[in-house]
């Protein structure tokens, strides 16, 4: 039960920090802290795309992965509710104005690949087991992605971040459907590619 609680807490605050600040330094710094805080308990996924990647790489069982992803998405919706409570407006992730869905999709794929590839290499590989730098590497990977791709695609790289808030605005979900598809498909493709590359070892 503790690992599911950690996944909820980590995902909730990750989405909330993204919503409240949009600041890559804050986002990356938070993830560094929470990966170290929860890594030994749950693996510190905080992201359905990460869980999906680890499932494809046979680092987590399918039933466990499903439970993780459900918890993470619920946490994303709850964080959106908290944002609305604090700010009085909705947090609606979306690509920058004038950016095509194809361009945004490429960005989501590329930088989710960077994040999940980093996770596989520093936190899932037996060759670097029990290292002390995994949290720093993972947080920095997300920070780089947020700086580089955030102004283009919105920089979700995480369905809990990209889709959770859209589910909170359920009455208008049809209007948000293109963004929802973007923030599910992009991260999943990026994670799948990372798993394939990791499997080449």
N, C-alpha and C. Protein backbone atom coordinates (compact mmCIF):
# COMPACT_ATOMS: atom_id res chain seq x y z
N UNK A 1 0.82 -1.20 0.00
CA UNK A 1 0.00 0.00 0.00
C UNK A 1 0.86 1.26 0.00
N UNK A 2 2.00 1.18 0.70
CA UNK A 2 2.86 2.36 0.82
C UNK A 2 3.36 2.83 -0.54
N UNK A 3 3.67 1.88 -1.43
CA UNK A 3 4.20 2.29 -2.74
C UNK A 3 3.17 3.03 -3.57
N UNK A 4 1.88 2.66 -3.41
CA UNK A 4 0.83 3.36 -4.15
C UNK A 4 0.64 4.77 -3.59
N UNK A 5 0.78 4.90 -2.30
CA UNK A 5 0.69 6.22 -1.67
C UNK A 5 1.83 7.12 -2.15
N UNK A 6 3.02 6.55 -2.23
CA UNK A 6 4.18 7.32 -2.71
C UNK A 6 3.98 7.74 -4.16
N UNK A 7 3.45 6.84 -4.97
CA UNK A 7 3.20 7.19 -6.37
C UNK A 7 2.15 8.31 -6.48
N UNK A 8 1.15 8.25 -5.62
CA UNK A 8 0.13 9.32 -5.62
C UNK A 8 0.75 10.64 -5.20
N UNK A 9 1.47 10.65 -4.10
CA UNK A 9 2.07 11.89 -3.59
C UNK A 9 3.03 12.49 -4.60
N UNK A 10 3.93 11.66 -5.13
CA UNK A 10 4.91 12.16 -6.08
C UNK A 10 4.29 12.72 -7.34
N UNK A 11 3.30 11.99 -7.88
CA UNK A 11 2.64 12.45 -9.10
C UNK A 11 1.81 13.70 -8.84
N UNK A 12 1.10 13.72 -7.73
CA UNK A 12 0.27 14.87 -7.36
C UNK A 12 1.12 16.14 -7.32
N UNK A 13 2.21 16.09 -6.60
CA UNK A 13 3.02 17.30 -6.45
C UNK A 13 3.77 17.65 -7.73
N UNK A 14 4.14 16.64 -8.52
CA UNK A 14 4.78 16.93 -9.79
C UNK A 14 3.83 17.71 -10.69
N UNK A 15 2.60 17.25 -10.82
CA UNK A 15 1.61 17.93 -11.65
C UNK A 15 1.33 19.33 -11.09
N UNK A 16 1.22 19.44 -9.78
CA UNK A 16 0.92 20.73 -9.16
C UNK A 16 2.06 21.73 -9.37
N UNK A 17 3.29 21.27 -9.24
CA UNK A 17 4.44 22.15 -9.47
C UNK A 17 4.48 22.61 -10.93
N UNK A 18 4.22 21.69 -11.85
CA UNK A 18 4.17 22.06 -13.27
C UNK A 18 3.09 23.12 -13.49
N UNK A 19 1.92 22.90 -12.91
CA UNK A 19 0.80 23.82 -13.11
C UNK A 19 1.06 25.19 -12.49
N UNK A 20 1.59 25.21 -11.29
CA UNK A 20 1.77 26.46 -10.57
C UNK A 20 2.95 27.29 -11.06
N UNK A 21 4.00 26.62 -11.52
CA UNK A 21 5.22 27.36 -11.88
C UNK A 21 5.55 27.34 -13.36
N UNK A 22 5.37 26.19 -14.00
CA UNK A 22 5.84 26.05 -15.38
C UNK A 22 7.34 26.28 -15.49
N UNK A 23 8.02 26.24 -14.38
CA UNK A 23 9.45 26.57 -14.32
C UNK A 23 10.29 25.29 -14.38
N UNK A 24 11.10 25.12 -15.42
CA UNK A 24 11.89 23.89 -15.55
C UNK A 24 12.80 23.62 -14.36
N UNK A 25 13.35 24.67 -13.76
CA UNK A 25 14.23 24.47 -12.60
C UNK A 25 13.45 23.90 -11.42
N UNK A 26 12.26 24.45 -11.18
CA UNK A 26 11.42 23.95 -10.09
C UNK A 26 10.96 22.52 -10.37
N UNK A 27 10.57 22.25 -11.61
CA UNK A 27 10.08 20.93 -11.98
C UNK A 27 11.18 19.88 -11.85
N UNK A 28 12.34 20.18 -12.42
CA UNK A 28 13.45 19.25 -12.34
C UNK A 28 13.95 19.07 -10.92
N UNK A 29 14.03 20.17 -10.18
CA UNK A 29 14.48 20.10 -8.79
C UNK A 29 13.53 19.27 -7.93
N UNK A 30 12.24 19.46 -8.14
CA UNK A 30 11.26 18.67 -7.39
C UNK A 30 11.42 17.19 -7.71
N UNK A 31 11.57 16.87 -9.00
CA UNK A 31 11.68 15.46 -9.36
C UNK A 31 12.92 14.82 -8.76
N UNK A 32 14.03 15.56 -8.75
CA UNK A 32 15.24 15.03 -8.10
C UNK A 32 14.94 14.66 -6.66
N UNK A 33 14.29 15.57 -5.92
CA UNK A 33 13.98 15.31 -4.51
C UNK A 33 13.06 14.11 -4.34
N UNK A 34 12.00 14.04 -5.16
CA UNK A 34 11.02 12.97 -4.98
C UNK A 34 11.51 11.62 -5.48
N UNK A 35 12.42 11.60 -6.44
CA UNK A 35 12.99 10.32 -6.87
C UNK A 35 13.82 9.73 -5.74
N UNK A 36 14.60 10.58 -5.06
CA UNK A 36 15.36 10.08 -3.91
C UNK A 36 14.43 9.71 -2.76
N UNK A 37 13.36 10.49 -2.57
CA UNK A 37 12.46 10.25 -1.44
C UNK A 37 11.66 8.96 -1.62
N UNK A 38 11.25 8.66 -2.86
CA UNK A 38 10.38 7.52 -3.06
C UNK A 38 10.94 6.37 -3.84
N UNK A 39 12.15 6.54 -4.36
CA UNK A 39 12.72 5.51 -5.23
C UNK A 39 12.84 4.16 -4.58
N UNK A 40 13.22 4.13 -3.31
CA UNK A 40 13.43 2.85 -2.63
C UNK A 40 12.11 2.19 -2.22
N UNK A 41 11.02 2.94 -2.32
CA UNK A 41 9.71 2.40 -1.93
C UNK A 41 8.92 1.92 -3.15
N UNK A 42 8.72 2.82 -4.11
CA UNK A 42 7.86 2.49 -5.26
C UNK A 42 8.61 2.40 -6.58
N UNK A 43 9.87 2.86 -6.58
CA UNK A 43 10.60 3.00 -7.82
C UNK A 43 10.50 4.41 -8.37
N UNK A 44 9.62 5.22 -7.76
CA UNK A 44 9.48 6.65 -8.10
C UNK A 44 9.20 6.87 -9.58
N UNK A 45 8.13 6.26 -10.07
CA UNK A 45 7.76 6.46 -11.47
C UNK A 45 7.11 7.83 -11.68
N UNK A 46 6.02 8.08 -10.99
CA UNK A 46 5.28 9.36 -11.04
C UNK A 46 4.84 9.73 -12.45
N UNK A 47 4.68 8.75 -13.31
CA UNK A 47 4.46 9.04 -14.73
C UNK A 47 4.01 7.73 -15.41
N UNK A 48 2.81 7.68 -15.96
CA UNK A 48 2.37 6.47 -16.64
C UNK A 48 3.27 6.05 -17.80
N UNK A 49 3.92 7.02 -18.45
CA UNK A 49 4.82 6.68 -19.55
C UNK A 49 6.06 5.96 -19.03
N UNK A 50 6.52 6.34 -17.85
CA UNK A 50 7.66 5.66 -17.23
C UNK A 50 7.26 4.24 -16.84
N UNK A 51 6.09 4.10 -16.24
CA UNK A 51 5.60 2.77 -15.88
C UNK A 51 5.44 1.89 -17.12
N UNK A 52 4.90 2.47 -18.18
CA UNK A 52 4.73 1.75 -19.44
C UNK A 52 6.08 1.30 -20.00
N UNK A 53 7.06 2.17 -19.94
CA UNK A 53 8.40 1.84 -20.41
C UNK A 53 8.99 0.68 -19.61
N UNK A 54 8.86 0.75 -18.31
CA UNK A 54 9.40 -0.30 -17.45
C UNK A 54 8.65 -1.62 -17.63
N UNK A 55 7.35 -1.53 -17.95
CA UNK A 55 6.58 -2.73 -18.25
C UNK A 55 7.11 -3.39 -19.53
N UNK A 56 7.33 -2.59 -20.57
CA UNK A 56 7.86 -3.13 -21.83
C UNK A 56 9.25 -3.72 -21.64
N UNK A 57 9.99 -3.16 -20.70
CA UNK A 57 11.36 -3.64 -20.44
C UNK A 57 11.39 -4.75 -19.39
N UNK A 58 10.19 -5.19 -18.98
CA UNK A 58 10.05 -6.30 -18.03
C UNK A 58 10.68 -6.00 -16.67
N UNK A 59 10.52 -4.73 -16.26
CA UNK A 59 11.03 -4.31 -14.96
C UNK A 59 9.91 -4.19 -13.93
N UNK A 60 8.66 -4.40 -14.38
CA UNK A 60 7.51 -4.36 -13.50
C UNK A 60 6.45 -5.30 -14.08
N UNK A 61 5.69 -5.94 -13.21
CA UNK A 61 4.64 -6.86 -13.66
C UNK A 61 3.44 -6.08 -14.18
N UNK A 62 2.68 -6.70 -15.08
CA UNK A 62 1.58 -6.00 -15.75
C UNK A 62 0.49 -5.55 -14.78
N UNK A 63 0.11 -6.40 -13.81
CA UNK A 63 -0.94 -6.00 -12.87
C UNK A 63 -0.49 -4.84 -12.00
N UNK A 64 0.76 -4.86 -11.60
CA UNK A 64 1.32 -3.75 -10.81
C UNK A 64 1.37 -2.48 -11.65
N UNK A 65 1.76 -2.61 -12.91
CA UNK A 65 1.85 -1.45 -13.80
C UNK A 65 0.49 -0.78 -13.97
N UNK A 66 -0.55 -1.59 -14.13
CA UNK A 66 -1.90 -1.03 -14.29
C UNK A 66 -2.30 -0.25 -13.04
N UNK A 67 -2.03 -0.81 -11.88
CA UNK A 67 -2.38 -0.12 -10.63
C UNK A 67 -1.61 1.20 -10.51
N UNK A 68 -0.33 1.16 -10.85
CA UNK A 68 0.48 2.38 -10.81
C UNK A 68 -0.12 3.46 -11.72
N UNK A 69 -0.46 3.08 -12.94
CA UNK A 69 -0.95 4.06 -13.91
C UNK A 69 -2.30 4.65 -13.49
N UNK A 70 -3.15 3.83 -12.90
CA UNK A 70 -4.43 4.34 -12.41
C UNK A 70 -4.20 5.36 -11.29
N UNK A 71 -3.34 5.01 -10.34
CA UNK A 71 -3.03 5.92 -9.24
C UNK A 71 -2.43 7.22 -9.75
N UNK A 72 -1.53 7.12 -10.70
CA UNK A 72 -0.87 8.32 -11.25
C UNK A 72 -1.87 9.24 -11.94
N UNK A 73 -2.79 8.66 -12.70
CA UNK A 73 -3.79 9.49 -13.39
C UNK A 73 -4.76 10.13 -12.40
N UNK A 74 -5.15 9.40 -11.36
CA UNK A 74 -6.00 9.98 -10.32
C UNK A 74 -5.28 11.15 -9.65
N UNK A 75 -3.99 10.97 -9.39
CA UNK A 75 -3.21 12.04 -8.77
C UNK A 75 -3.15 13.27 -9.67
N UNK A 76 -3.05 13.06 -10.98
CA UNK A 76 -3.05 14.18 -11.91
C UNK A 76 -4.34 14.96 -11.88
N UNK A 77 -5.47 14.25 -11.81
CA UNK A 77 -6.77 14.91 -11.72
C UNK A 77 -6.89 15.67 -10.40
N UNK A 78 -6.44 15.07 -9.31
CA UNK A 78 -6.50 15.73 -8.00
C UNK A 78 -5.62 16.98 -7.96
N UNK A 79 -4.46 16.92 -8.60
CA UNK A 79 -3.59 18.09 -8.65
C UNK A 79 -4.24 19.22 -9.43
N UNK A 80 -4.93 18.86 -10.51
CA UNK A 80 -5.66 19.88 -11.28
C UNK A 80 -6.76 20.51 -10.44
N UNK A 81 -7.42 19.69 -9.62
CA UNK A 81 -8.46 20.21 -8.72
C UNK A 81 -7.85 21.16 -7.69
N UNK A 82 -6.69 20.80 -7.17
CA UNK A 82 -6.01 21.68 -6.21
C UNK A 82 -5.60 23.00 -6.87
N UNK A 83 -5.11 22.92 -8.09
CA UNK A 83 -4.75 24.14 -8.82
C UNK A 83 -5.97 25.03 -8.98
N UNK A 84 -7.09 24.44 -9.33
CA UNK A 84 -8.33 25.22 -9.50
C UNK A 84 -8.75 25.85 -8.17
N UNK A 85 -8.61 25.10 -7.08
CA UNK A 85 -8.94 25.62 -5.76
C UNK A 85 -8.05 26.80 -5.39
N UNK A 86 -6.78 26.72 -5.73
CA UNK A 86 -5.83 27.77 -5.37
C UNK A 86 -5.91 28.99 -6.27
N UNK A 87 -6.11 28.77 -7.56
CA UNK A 87 -6.03 29.85 -8.54
C UNK A 87 -7.37 30.32 -9.08
N UNK A 88 -8.38 29.47 -8.98
CA UNK A 88 -9.69 29.83 -9.49
C UNK A 88 -9.85 29.72 -10.99
N UNK A 89 -8.87 29.13 -11.64
CA UNK A 89 -8.92 28.89 -13.09
C UNK A 89 -8.44 27.47 -13.35
N UNK A 90 -8.74 26.97 -14.54
CA UNK A 90 -8.33 25.62 -14.91
C UNK A 90 -6.90 25.62 -15.44
N UNK A 91 -6.20 24.54 -15.18
CA UNK A 91 -4.90 24.31 -15.80
C UNK A 91 -5.12 23.40 -17.00
N UNK A 92 -4.90 23.95 -18.18
CA UNK A 92 -5.16 23.20 -19.42
C UNK A 92 -3.85 23.09 -20.22
N UNK A 93 -3.14 21.97 -20.10
CA UNK A 93 -1.92 21.78 -20.89
C UNK A 93 -2.25 21.76 -22.39
N UNK A 94 -1.41 22.41 -23.18
CA UNK A 94 -1.61 22.44 -24.62
C UNK A 94 -0.34 22.93 -25.29
N UNK A 95 -0.16 22.62 -26.57
CA UNK A 95 1.01 23.13 -27.30
C UNK A 95 0.94 24.65 -27.43
N UNK A 96 2.07 25.24 -27.75
CA UNK A 96 2.13 26.69 -27.96
C UNK A 96 1.28 27.08 -29.17
N UNK A 97 0.81 28.30 -29.17
CA UNK A 97 0.01 28.82 -30.27
C UNK A 97 0.82 28.75 -31.57
N UNK A 98 0.19 28.23 -32.62
CA UNK A 98 0.84 28.14 -33.92
C UNK A 98 1.66 26.89 -34.14
N UNK A 99 1.79 26.05 -33.10
CA UNK A 99 2.55 24.81 -33.22
C UNK A 99 1.61 23.70 -33.68
N UNK A 100 1.98 22.99 -34.74
CA UNK A 100 1.14 21.91 -35.25
C UNK A 100 1.18 20.72 -34.31
N UNK A 101 0.15 19.89 -34.37
CA UNK A 101 0.11 18.69 -33.54
C UNK A 101 1.25 17.74 -33.88
N UNK A 102 1.64 17.69 -35.14
CA UNK A 102 2.75 16.82 -35.55
C UNK A 102 4.05 17.28 -34.91
N UNK A 103 4.30 18.58 -34.95
CA UNK A 103 5.50 19.13 -34.32
C UNK A 103 5.49 18.86 -32.82
N UNK A 104 4.36 19.12 -32.18
CA UNK A 104 4.24 18.88 -30.75
C UNK A 104 4.42 17.39 -30.43
N UNK A 105 3.88 16.53 -31.28
CA UNK A 105 4.02 15.08 -31.07
C UNK A 105 5.48 14.67 -31.12
N UNK A 106 6.22 15.20 -32.08
CA UNK A 106 7.64 14.87 -32.21
C UNK A 106 8.39 15.28 -30.95
N UNK A 107 8.09 16.47 -30.44
CA UNK A 107 8.75 16.96 -29.23
C UNK A 107 8.42 16.05 -28.05
N UNK A 108 7.16 15.67 -27.91
CA UNK A 108 6.77 14.79 -26.80
C UNK A 108 7.46 13.43 -26.90
N UNK A 109 7.58 12.92 -28.11
CA UNK A 109 8.27 11.63 -28.31
C UNK A 109 9.74 11.75 -27.96
N UNK A 110 10.40 12.76 -28.51
CA UNK A 110 11.86 12.89 -28.36
C UNK A 110 12.26 13.08 -26.90
N UNK A 111 11.56 13.96 -26.19
CA UNK A 111 12.00 14.25 -24.82
C UNK A 111 11.46 13.25 -23.80
N UNK A 112 10.38 12.55 -24.13
CA UNK A 112 10.00 11.42 -23.28
C UNK A 112 11.01 10.29 -23.47
N UNK A 113 11.48 10.12 -24.69
CA UNK A 113 12.55 9.15 -24.93
C UNK A 113 13.76 9.48 -24.07
N UNK A 114 14.16 10.76 -24.06
CA UNK A 114 15.31 11.17 -23.24
C UNK A 114 15.10 10.82 -21.78
N UNK A 115 13.92 11.14 -21.26
CA UNK A 115 13.63 10.88 -19.85
C UNK A 115 13.63 9.39 -19.55
N UNK A 116 12.90 8.61 -20.34
CA UNK A 116 12.77 7.18 -20.05
C UNK A 116 14.07 6.42 -20.34
N UNK A 117 14.79 6.85 -21.36
CA UNK A 117 16.10 6.25 -21.63
C UNK A 117 17.04 6.46 -20.44
N UNK A 118 17.01 7.67 -19.90
CA UNK A 118 17.84 7.98 -18.73
C UNK A 118 17.44 7.10 -17.56
N UNK A 119 16.15 6.96 -17.32
CA UNK A 119 15.67 6.13 -16.21
C UNK A 119 16.13 4.69 -16.36
N UNK A 120 15.99 4.14 -17.55
CA UNK A 120 16.42 2.76 -17.78
C UNK A 120 17.91 2.59 -17.54
N UNK A 121 18.68 3.57 -17.95
CA UNK A 121 20.14 3.45 -17.84
C UNK A 121 20.65 3.66 -16.42
N UNK A 122 20.04 4.58 -15.67
CA UNK A 122 20.60 4.90 -14.35
C UNK A 122 19.85 4.25 -13.19
N UNK A 123 18.60 3.82 -13.42
CA UNK A 123 17.81 3.29 -12.30
C UNK A 123 17.34 1.85 -12.50
N UNK A 124 17.41 1.33 -13.72
CA UNK A 124 16.89 -0.01 -13.98
C UNK A 124 17.95 -1.00 -14.44
N UNK A 125 19.12 -0.52 -14.74
CA UNK A 125 20.18 -1.39 -15.24
C UNK A 125 20.98 -2.00 -14.10
N UNK A 126 21.19 -3.30 -14.17
CA UNK A 126 21.98 -3.98 -13.13
C UNK A 126 23.42 -3.52 -13.10
N UNK A 127 23.89 -2.98 -14.20
CA UNK A 127 25.29 -2.55 -14.29
C UNK A 127 25.58 -1.35 -13.39
N UNK A 128 24.56 -0.57 -13.06
CA UNK A 128 24.78 0.60 -12.20
C UNK A 128 23.90 0.51 -10.95
N UNK A 129 23.58 -0.70 -10.56
CA UNK A 129 22.70 -0.93 -9.41
C UNK A 129 23.28 -0.27 -8.16
N UNK A 130 22.38 0.34 -7.36
CA UNK A 130 22.73 0.98 -6.09
C UNK A 130 23.62 2.22 -6.25
N UNK A 131 23.59 2.82 -7.44
CA UNK A 131 24.35 4.08 -7.58
C UNK A 131 23.64 5.19 -6.81
N UNK A 132 24.35 6.29 -6.58
CA UNK A 132 23.80 7.40 -5.81
C UNK A 132 23.45 8.62 -6.67
N UNK A 133 23.56 8.50 -7.99
CA UNK A 133 23.33 9.65 -8.85
C UNK A 133 22.05 9.54 -9.67
N UNK A 134 21.30 8.46 -9.48
CA UNK A 134 20.14 8.21 -10.35
C UNK A 134 19.11 9.34 -10.28
N UNK A 135 18.82 9.83 -9.07
CA UNK A 135 17.82 10.88 -8.93
C UNK A 135 18.23 12.17 -9.61
N UNK A 136 19.49 12.50 -9.49
CA UNK A 136 20.01 13.72 -10.13
C UNK A 136 19.91 13.60 -11.64
N UNK A 137 20.29 12.46 -12.18
CA UNK A 137 20.25 12.27 -13.63
C UNK A 137 18.82 12.35 -14.16
N UNK A 138 17.88 11.73 -13.46
CA UNK A 138 16.48 11.72 -13.91
C UNK A 138 15.88 13.12 -13.85
N UNK A 139 16.10 13.82 -12.75
CA UNK A 139 15.59 15.18 -12.62
C UNK A 139 16.17 16.12 -13.65
N UNK A 140 17.45 15.97 -13.94
CA UNK A 140 18.09 16.84 -14.94
C UNK A 140 17.57 16.54 -16.34
N UNK A 141 17.29 15.26 -16.62
CA UNK A 141 16.73 14.91 -17.93
C UNK A 141 15.38 15.59 -18.14
N UNK A 142 14.54 15.57 -17.11
CA UNK A 142 13.24 16.24 -17.23
C UNK A 142 13.41 17.75 -17.33
N UNK A 143 14.36 18.29 -16.58
CA UNK A 143 14.61 19.74 -16.63
C UNK A 143 15.02 20.17 -18.03
N UNK A 144 15.92 19.43 -18.63
CA UNK A 144 16.35 19.73 -20.00
C UNK A 144 15.17 19.67 -20.96
N UNK A 145 14.36 18.64 -20.83
CA UNK A 145 13.19 18.51 -21.69
C UNK A 145 12.22 19.66 -21.52
N UNK A 146 12.04 20.10 -20.27
CA UNK A 146 11.13 21.21 -20.01
C UNK A 146 11.65 22.51 -20.60
N UNK A 147 12.95 22.74 -20.48
CA UNK A 147 13.55 23.94 -21.08
C UNK A 147 13.46 23.91 -22.60
N UNK A 148 13.84 22.78 -23.18
CA UNK A 148 13.97 22.70 -24.64
C UNK A 148 12.63 22.54 -25.35
N UNK A 149 11.77 21.67 -24.84
CA UNK A 149 10.54 21.35 -25.53
C UNK A 149 9.28 21.97 -24.97
N UNK A 150 9.36 22.44 -23.73
CA UNK A 150 8.19 23.02 -23.10
C UNK A 150 7.54 24.15 -23.88
N UNK A 151 8.34 25.09 -24.41
CA UNK A 151 7.75 26.19 -25.17
C UNK A 151 7.13 25.77 -26.50
N UNK A 152 7.33 24.52 -26.90
CA UNK A 152 6.79 24.03 -28.17
C UNK A 152 5.55 23.18 -27.94
N UNK A 153 5.72 22.08 -27.21
CA UNK A 153 4.62 21.11 -27.05
C UNK A 153 3.83 21.29 -25.76
N UNK A 154 4.34 22.11 -24.86
CA UNK A 154 3.78 22.19 -23.52
C UNK A 154 4.60 21.39 -22.54
N UNK A 155 5.45 20.50 -23.06
CA UNK A 155 6.42 19.79 -22.23
C UNK A 155 5.83 18.90 -21.16
N UNK A 156 4.83 18.09 -21.50
CA UNK A 156 4.25 17.19 -20.50
C UNK A 156 5.15 15.98 -20.28
N UNK A 157 5.40 15.21 -21.33
CA UNK A 157 6.21 13.99 -21.27
C UNK A 157 5.64 13.01 -20.24
N UNK A 158 4.35 13.15 -19.95
CA UNK A 158 3.76 12.43 -18.83
C UNK A 158 2.24 12.56 -18.96
N UNK A 159 1.52 11.47 -19.21
CA UNK A 159 0.06 11.56 -19.32
C UNK A 159 -0.63 12.10 -18.08
N UNK A 160 -0.06 11.90 -16.91
CA UNK A 160 -0.67 12.46 -15.70
C UNK A 160 -0.63 13.98 -15.72
N UNK A 161 0.46 14.53 -16.27
CA UNK A 161 0.59 15.98 -16.40
C UNK A 161 -0.27 16.51 -17.55
N UNK A 162 -0.23 15.81 -18.67
CA UNK A 162 -0.90 16.31 -19.87
C UNK A 162 -2.39 16.01 -19.93
N UNK A 163 -2.80 14.86 -19.41
CA UNK A 163 -4.19 14.43 -19.55
C UNK A 163 -4.98 14.55 -18.26
N UNK A 164 -4.33 14.35 -17.12
CA UNK A 164 -5.02 14.46 -15.84
C UNK A 164 -5.82 15.76 -15.70
N UNK A 165 -5.21 16.92 -15.97
CA UNK A 165 -5.96 18.19 -15.88
C UNK A 165 -7.09 18.28 -16.90
N UNK A 166 -6.94 17.65 -18.05
CA UNK A 166 -8.02 17.67 -19.05
C UNK A 166 -9.19 16.82 -18.59
N UNK A 167 -8.92 15.76 -17.86
CA UNK A 167 -9.99 14.93 -17.30
C UNK A 167 -10.73 15.68 -16.20
N UNK A 168 -10.03 16.56 -15.49
CA UNK A 168 -10.70 17.37 -14.47
C UNK A 168 -11.74 18.29 -15.11
N UNK A 169 -11.45 18.75 -16.32
CA UNK A 169 -12.40 19.58 -17.08
C UNK A 169 -13.23 18.67 -17.98
N UNK A 170 -13.85 17.66 -17.38
CA UNK A 170 -14.48 16.58 -18.13
C UNK A 170 -15.61 17.07 -19.04
N UNK A 171 -16.31 18.11 -18.63
CA UNK A 171 -17.44 18.59 -19.42
C UNK A 171 -17.00 19.16 -20.77
N UNK A 172 -15.72 19.54 -20.87
CA UNK A 172 -15.19 20.07 -22.13
C UNK A 172 -14.14 19.15 -22.73
N UNK A 173 -14.15 17.88 -22.30
CA UNK A 173 -13.07 16.98 -22.72
C UNK A 173 -13.02 16.81 -24.23
N UNK A 174 -14.18 16.85 -24.88
CA UNK A 174 -14.20 16.73 -26.34
C UNK A 174 -13.37 17.80 -27.02
N UNK A 175 -13.39 19.01 -26.46
CA UNK A 175 -12.59 20.10 -27.03
C UNK A 175 -11.10 19.86 -26.82
N UNK A 176 -10.79 19.15 -25.74
CA UNK A 176 -9.38 18.90 -25.40
C UNK A 176 -8.85 17.60 -26.00
N UNK A 177 -9.68 16.89 -26.76
CA UNK A 177 -9.30 15.56 -27.24
C UNK A 177 -7.98 15.55 -28.02
N UNK A 178 -7.73 16.50 -28.94
CA UNK A 178 -6.44 16.48 -29.65
C UNK A 178 -5.24 16.56 -28.70
N UNK A 179 -5.34 17.40 -27.67
CA UNK A 179 -4.25 17.50 -26.69
C UNK A 179 -4.14 16.22 -25.88
N UNK A 180 -5.28 15.63 -25.52
CA UNK A 180 -5.25 14.38 -24.75
C UNK A 180 -4.56 13.28 -25.54
N UNK A 181 -4.88 13.18 -26.82
CA UNK A 181 -4.24 12.18 -27.68
C UNK A 181 -2.74 12.46 -27.78
N UNK A 182 -2.39 13.72 -27.95
CA UNK A 182 -0.98 14.12 -28.03
C UNK A 182 -0.22 13.66 -26.79
N UNK A 183 -0.79 13.93 -25.60
CA UNK A 183 -0.07 13.67 -24.35
C UNK A 183 -0.17 12.22 -23.89
N UNK A 184 -0.92 11.40 -24.59
CA UNK A 184 -0.89 9.96 -24.36
C UNK A 184 0.03 9.28 -25.38
N UNK A 185 -0.20 9.57 -26.64
CA UNK A 185 0.53 8.89 -27.71
C UNK A 185 2.01 9.27 -27.71
N UNK A 186 2.31 10.56 -27.60
CA UNK A 186 3.71 11.00 -27.64
C UNK A 186 4.56 10.35 -26.57
N UNK A 187 4.18 10.48 -25.29
CA UNK A 187 4.98 9.84 -24.24
C UNK A 187 5.06 8.32 -24.36
N UNK A 188 3.97 7.68 -24.79
CA UNK A 188 4.01 6.22 -24.93
C UNK A 188 4.95 5.78 -26.04
N UNK A 189 4.95 6.50 -27.15
CA UNK A 189 5.89 6.17 -28.23
C UNK A 189 7.32 6.42 -27.79
N UNK A 190 7.55 7.54 -27.12
CA UNK A 190 8.89 7.83 -26.62
C UNK A 190 9.39 6.78 -25.66
N UNK A 191 8.51 6.35 -24.75
CA UNK A 191 8.88 5.30 -23.81
C UNK A 191 9.12 3.97 -24.49
N UNK A 192 8.29 3.64 -25.48
CA UNK A 192 8.46 2.38 -26.21
C UNK A 192 9.79 2.36 -26.95
N UNK A 193 10.15 3.48 -27.57
CA UNK A 193 11.44 3.57 -28.27
C UNK A 193 12.60 3.40 -27.31
N UNK A 194 12.48 4.00 -26.12
CA UNK A 194 13.54 3.85 -25.11
C UNK A 194 13.68 2.39 -24.70
N UNK A 195 12.56 1.70 -24.55
CA UNK A 195 12.59 0.29 -24.18
C UNK A 195 13.25 -0.55 -25.28
N UNK A 196 12.94 -0.22 -26.54
CA UNK A 196 13.55 -0.95 -27.66
C UNK A 196 15.06 -0.76 -27.68
N UNK A 197 15.50 0.48 -27.54
CA UNK A 197 16.93 0.77 -27.53
C UNK A 197 17.62 0.08 -26.36
N UNK A 198 16.97 0.13 -25.19
CA UNK A 198 17.53 -0.52 -24.01
C UNK A 198 17.67 -2.03 -24.23
N UNK A 199 16.72 -2.60 -24.96
CA UNK A 199 16.74 -4.03 -25.23
C UNK A 199 17.81 -4.48 -26.20
N UNK A 200 18.47 -3.54 -26.85
CA UNK A 200 19.54 -3.89 -27.79
C UNK A 200 20.81 -4.34 -27.09
N UNK A 201 20.88 -4.16 -25.78
CA UNK A 201 22.11 -4.54 -25.06
C UNK A 201 22.41 -6.02 -25.24
